[in-house]
C-alpha atoms as a PDB file:
ATOM      1  CA  MET A   1     131.611  57.775  41.528  1.00  0.00           C
ATOM      2  CA  ASP A   2     132.364  61.449  41.427  1.00  0.00           C
ATOM      3  CA  LEU A   3     132.829  62.669  45.027  1.00  0.00           C
ATOM      4  CA  ARG A   4     132.183  66.301  44.139  1.00  0.00           C
ATOM      5  CA  ARG A   5     128.613  65.551  43.072  1.00  0.00           C
ATOM      6  CA  ARG A   6     127.674  63.422  46.065  1.00  0.00           C
ATOM      7  CA  ARG A   7     125.141  65.008  48.421  1.00  0.00           C
ATOM      8  CA  ARG A   8     126.462  65.542  51.885  1.00  0.00           C
ATOM      9  CA  HIS A   9     123.196  66.112  53.713  1.00  0.00           C
ATOM     10  CA  GLY A  10     121.064  63.216  52.576  1.00  0.00           C
ATOM     11  CA  PRO A  11     118.126  63.134  50.216  1.00  0.00           C
ATOM     12  CA  ARG A  12     116.302  66.294  49.310  1.00  0.00           C
ATOM     13  CA  ARG A  13     113.150  67.028  51.294  1.00  0.00           C
ATOM     14  CA  PRO A  14     109.932  67.502  49.358  1.00  0.00           C
ATOM     15  CA  ARG A  15     108.665  71.079  49.202  1.00  0.00           C
ATOM     16  CA  ALA A  16     105.661  72.038  51.264  1.00  0.00           C
ATOM     17  CA  ASP A  17     102.374  72.265  49.445  1.00  0.00           C
ATOM     18  CA  PRO A  18     101.717  75.990  48.776  1.00  0.00           C
ATOM     19  CA  ALA A  19      98.006  75.475  49.392  1.00  0.00           C
ATOM     20  CA  ARG A  20      98.729  74.366  52.986  1.00  0.00           C
ATOM     21  CA  ARG A  21     101.106  77.227  53.800  1.00  0.00           C
ATOM     22  CA  PRO A  22      99.643  80.240  55.668  1.00  0.00           C
ATOM     23  CA  PRO A  23      99.814  83.561  53.812  1.00  0.00           C
ATOM     24  CA  ARG A  24     102.857  85.702  54.590  1.00  0.00           C
ATOM     25  CA  ASP A  25     100.782  88.413  56.263  1.00  0.00           C
ATOM     26  CA  ALA A  26      98.989  85.955  58.571  1.00  0.00           C
ATOM     27  CA  PRO A  27      99.651  86.444  62.307  1.00  0.00           C
ATOM     28  CA  ARG A  28     102.153  84.018  63.761  1.00  0.00           C
ATOM     29  CA  GLU A  29     101.305  81.830  66.715  1.00  0.00           C
ATOM     30  CA  ARG A  30     104.705  82.093  68.365  1.00  0.00           C
ATOM     31  CA  GLY A  31     106.873  84.993  69.415  1.00  0.00           C
ATOM     32  CA  HIS A  32     104.779  87.491  71.380  1.00  0.00           C
ATOM     33  CA  TRP A  33     102.341  86.815  74.185  1.00  0.00           C
ATOM     34  CA  SER A  34     100.093  89.291  75.909  1.00  0.00           C
ATOM     35  CA  PRO A  35     100.309  89.684  79.693  1.00  0.00           C
ATOM     36  CA  VAL A  36      96.679  90.875  79.860  1.00  0.00           C
ATOM     37  CA  GLY A  37      94.943  88.790  82.511  1.00  0.00           C
ATOM     38  CA  PHE A  38      98.134  87.888  84.388  1.00  0.00           C
ATOM     39  CA  VAL A  39      98.055  88.325  88.158  1.00  0.00           C
ATOM     40  CA  GLY A  40     100.926  89.693  90.207  1.00  0.00           C
ATOM     41  CA  VAL A  41     102.042  91.878  93.117  1.00  0.00           C
ATOM     42  CA  THR A  42     103.054  95.525  93.215  1.00  0.00           C
ATOM     43  CA  THR A  43     106.702  95.868  94.231  1.00  0.00           C
ATOM     44  CA  GLU A  44     106.436  99.669  94.438  1.00  0.00           C
ATOM     45  CA  ALA A  45     103.448 101.959  94.936  1.00  0.00           C
ATOM     46  CA  THR A  46     101.724 102.256  91.567  1.00  0.00           C
ATOM     47  CA  GLY A  47      99.593 105.105  90.240  1.00  0.00           C
ATOM     48  CA  PRO A  48      98.976 107.190  87.117  1.00  0.00           C
ATOM     49  CA  ALA A  49     102.608 108.369  87.188  1.00  0.00           C
ATOM     50  CA  GLY A  50     103.946 104.812  87.294  1.00  0.00           C
ATOM     51  CA  GLY A  51     105.236 102.038  89.511  1.00  0.00           C
ATOM     52  CA  GLU A  52     106.439  98.419  89.374  1.00  0.00           C
ATOM     53  CA  VAL A  53     104.823  94.992  89.451  1.00  0.00           C
ATOM     54  CA  ARG A  54     106.062  91.399  89.585  1.00  0.00           C
ATOM     55  CA  LEU A  55     103.811  89.124  87.525  1.00  0.00           C
ATOM     56  CA  ASP A  56     103.203  85.470  88.417  1.00  0.00           C
ATOM     57  CA  ASP A  57     103.974  83.744  85.125  1.00  0.00           C
ATOM     58  CA  VAL A  58     106.762  81.431  84.001  1.00  0.00           C
ATOM     59  CA  ARG A  59     107.692  83.767  81.125  1.00  0.00           C
ATOM     60  CA  GLU A  60     107.869  86.866  83.340  1.00  0.00           C
ATOM     61  CA  LEU A  61     111.410  86.823  84.706  1.00  0.00           C
ATOM     62  CA  GLU A  62     111.746  90.457  85.749  1.00  0.00           C
ATOM     63  CA  ARG A  63     109.618  93.221  87.202  1.00  0.00           C
ATOM     64  CA  ARG A  64     107.631  95.411  84.813  1.00  0.00           C
ATOM     65  CA  LEU A  65     106.858  99.102  84.809  1.00  0.00           C
ATOM     66  CA  ALA A  66     103.180  99.615  85.482  1.00  0.00           C
ATOM     67  CA  THR A  67     100.509 102.280  85.702  1.00  0.00           C
ATOM     68  CA  SER A  68      97.058 102.310  87.282  1.00  0.00           C
ATOM     69  CA  ASP A  69      94.092 104.673  87.387  1.00  0.00           C
ATOM     70  CA  ALA A  70      94.115 104.853  91.200  1.00  0.00           C
ATOM     71  CA  ARG A  71      97.023 104.645  93.626  1.00  0.00           C
ATOM     72  CA  ILE A  72      97.837 101.053  94.656  1.00  0.00           C
ATOM     73  CA  GLU A  73     100.159 100.500  97.607  1.00  0.00           C
ATOM     74  CA  ARG A  74     103.163  98.172  97.651  1.00  0.00           C
ATOM     75  CA  GLY A  75     102.413  94.450  98.175  1.00  0.00           C
ATOM     76  CA  VAL A  76      98.842  94.471  96.805  1.00  0.00           C
ATOM     77  CA  ARG A  77      97.697  91.719  94.412  1.00  0.00           C
ATOM     78  CA  VAL A  78      96.853  93.117  90.964  1.00  0.00           C
ATOM     79  CA  ARG A  79      95.616  91.973  87.551  1.00  0.00           C
ATOM     80  CA  VAL A  80      96.896  93.288  84.205  1.00  0.00           C
ATOM     81  CA  VAL A  81      94.098  94.958  82.228  1.00  0.00           C
ATOM     82  CA  ALA A  82      96.058  96.477  79.321  1.00  0.00           C
ATOM     83  CA  GLU A  83      99.485  96.483  77.691  1.00  0.00           C
ATOM     84  CA  ASN A  84     101.298  99.528  76.342  1.00  0.00           C
ATOM     85  CA  GLY A  85     104.642  98.406  74.930  1.00  0.00           C
ATOM     86  CA  PRO A  86     106.811  97.190  77.829  1.00  0.00           C
ATOM     87  CA  ARG A  87     104.476  98.812  80.395  1.00  0.00           C
ATOM     88  CA  VAL A  88     101.300  97.274  81.725  1.00  0.00           C
ATOM     89  CA  GLN A  89      98.192  98.848  83.211  1.00  0.00           C
ATOM     90  CA  VAL A  90      96.955  97.134  86.352  1.00  0.00           C
ATOM     91  CA  GLU A  91      94.023  97.230  88.739  1.00  0.00           C
ATOM     92  CA  ALA A  92      93.841  95.927  92.294  1.00  0.00           C
ATOM     93  CA  LEU A  93      92.092  92.610  92.818  1.00  0.00           C
ATOM     94  CA  ASP A  94      88.989  92.647  95.005  1.00  0.00           C
ATOM     95  CA  ALA A  95      89.312  90.946  98.384  1.00  0.00           C
ATOM     96  CA  GLY A  96      86.829  88.276  97.223  1.00  0.00           C
ATOM     97  CA  GLU A  97      88.947  87.317  94.180  1.00  0.00           C
ATOM     98  CA  THR A  98      91.989  86.245  96.157  1.00  0.00           C
ATOM     99  CA  SER A  99      92.586  84.657  99.543  1.00  0.00           C
ATOM    100  CA  ALA A 100      95.155  87.273 100.581  1.00  0.00           C
ATOM    101  CA  SER A 101      95.084  90.827  99.251  1.00  0.00           C
ATOM    102  CA  ARG A 102      98.635  91.530 100.408  1.00  0.00           C
ATOM    103  CA  ASP A 103     101.713  89.492  99.616  1.00  0.00           C
ATOM    104  CA  PRO A 104     103.689  88.698 102.827  1.00  0.00           C
ATOM    105  CA  GLN A 105     106.994  88.473 100.922  1.00  0.00           C
ATOM    106  CA  THR A 106     106.968  92.114  99.840  1.00  0.00           C
ATOM    107  CA  ASN A 107     105.707  93.584 103.138  1.00  0.00           C
END
């Protein structure tokens, strides 16, 4: 047996059926997620000029830059309504949507 011709990595896998493969320009399911709808807390006062929020999601490890139409004070619960690159646009949650409108950890 010629050792140079022996396969090192086992038998060859069959090729995927081209009819079952998604087209190359199809959107991929993995990679990017949208934070729209996430809930969090403002860590700095947020307004049209900017601010910071901490979002309550497993994938959100750091604070994000945020903007809002109206001024939102520090420690207020917010919901993300839009995404603009790394920034998010937020709006304050109504008092009826959450049990506590202010987060005791940031106050």
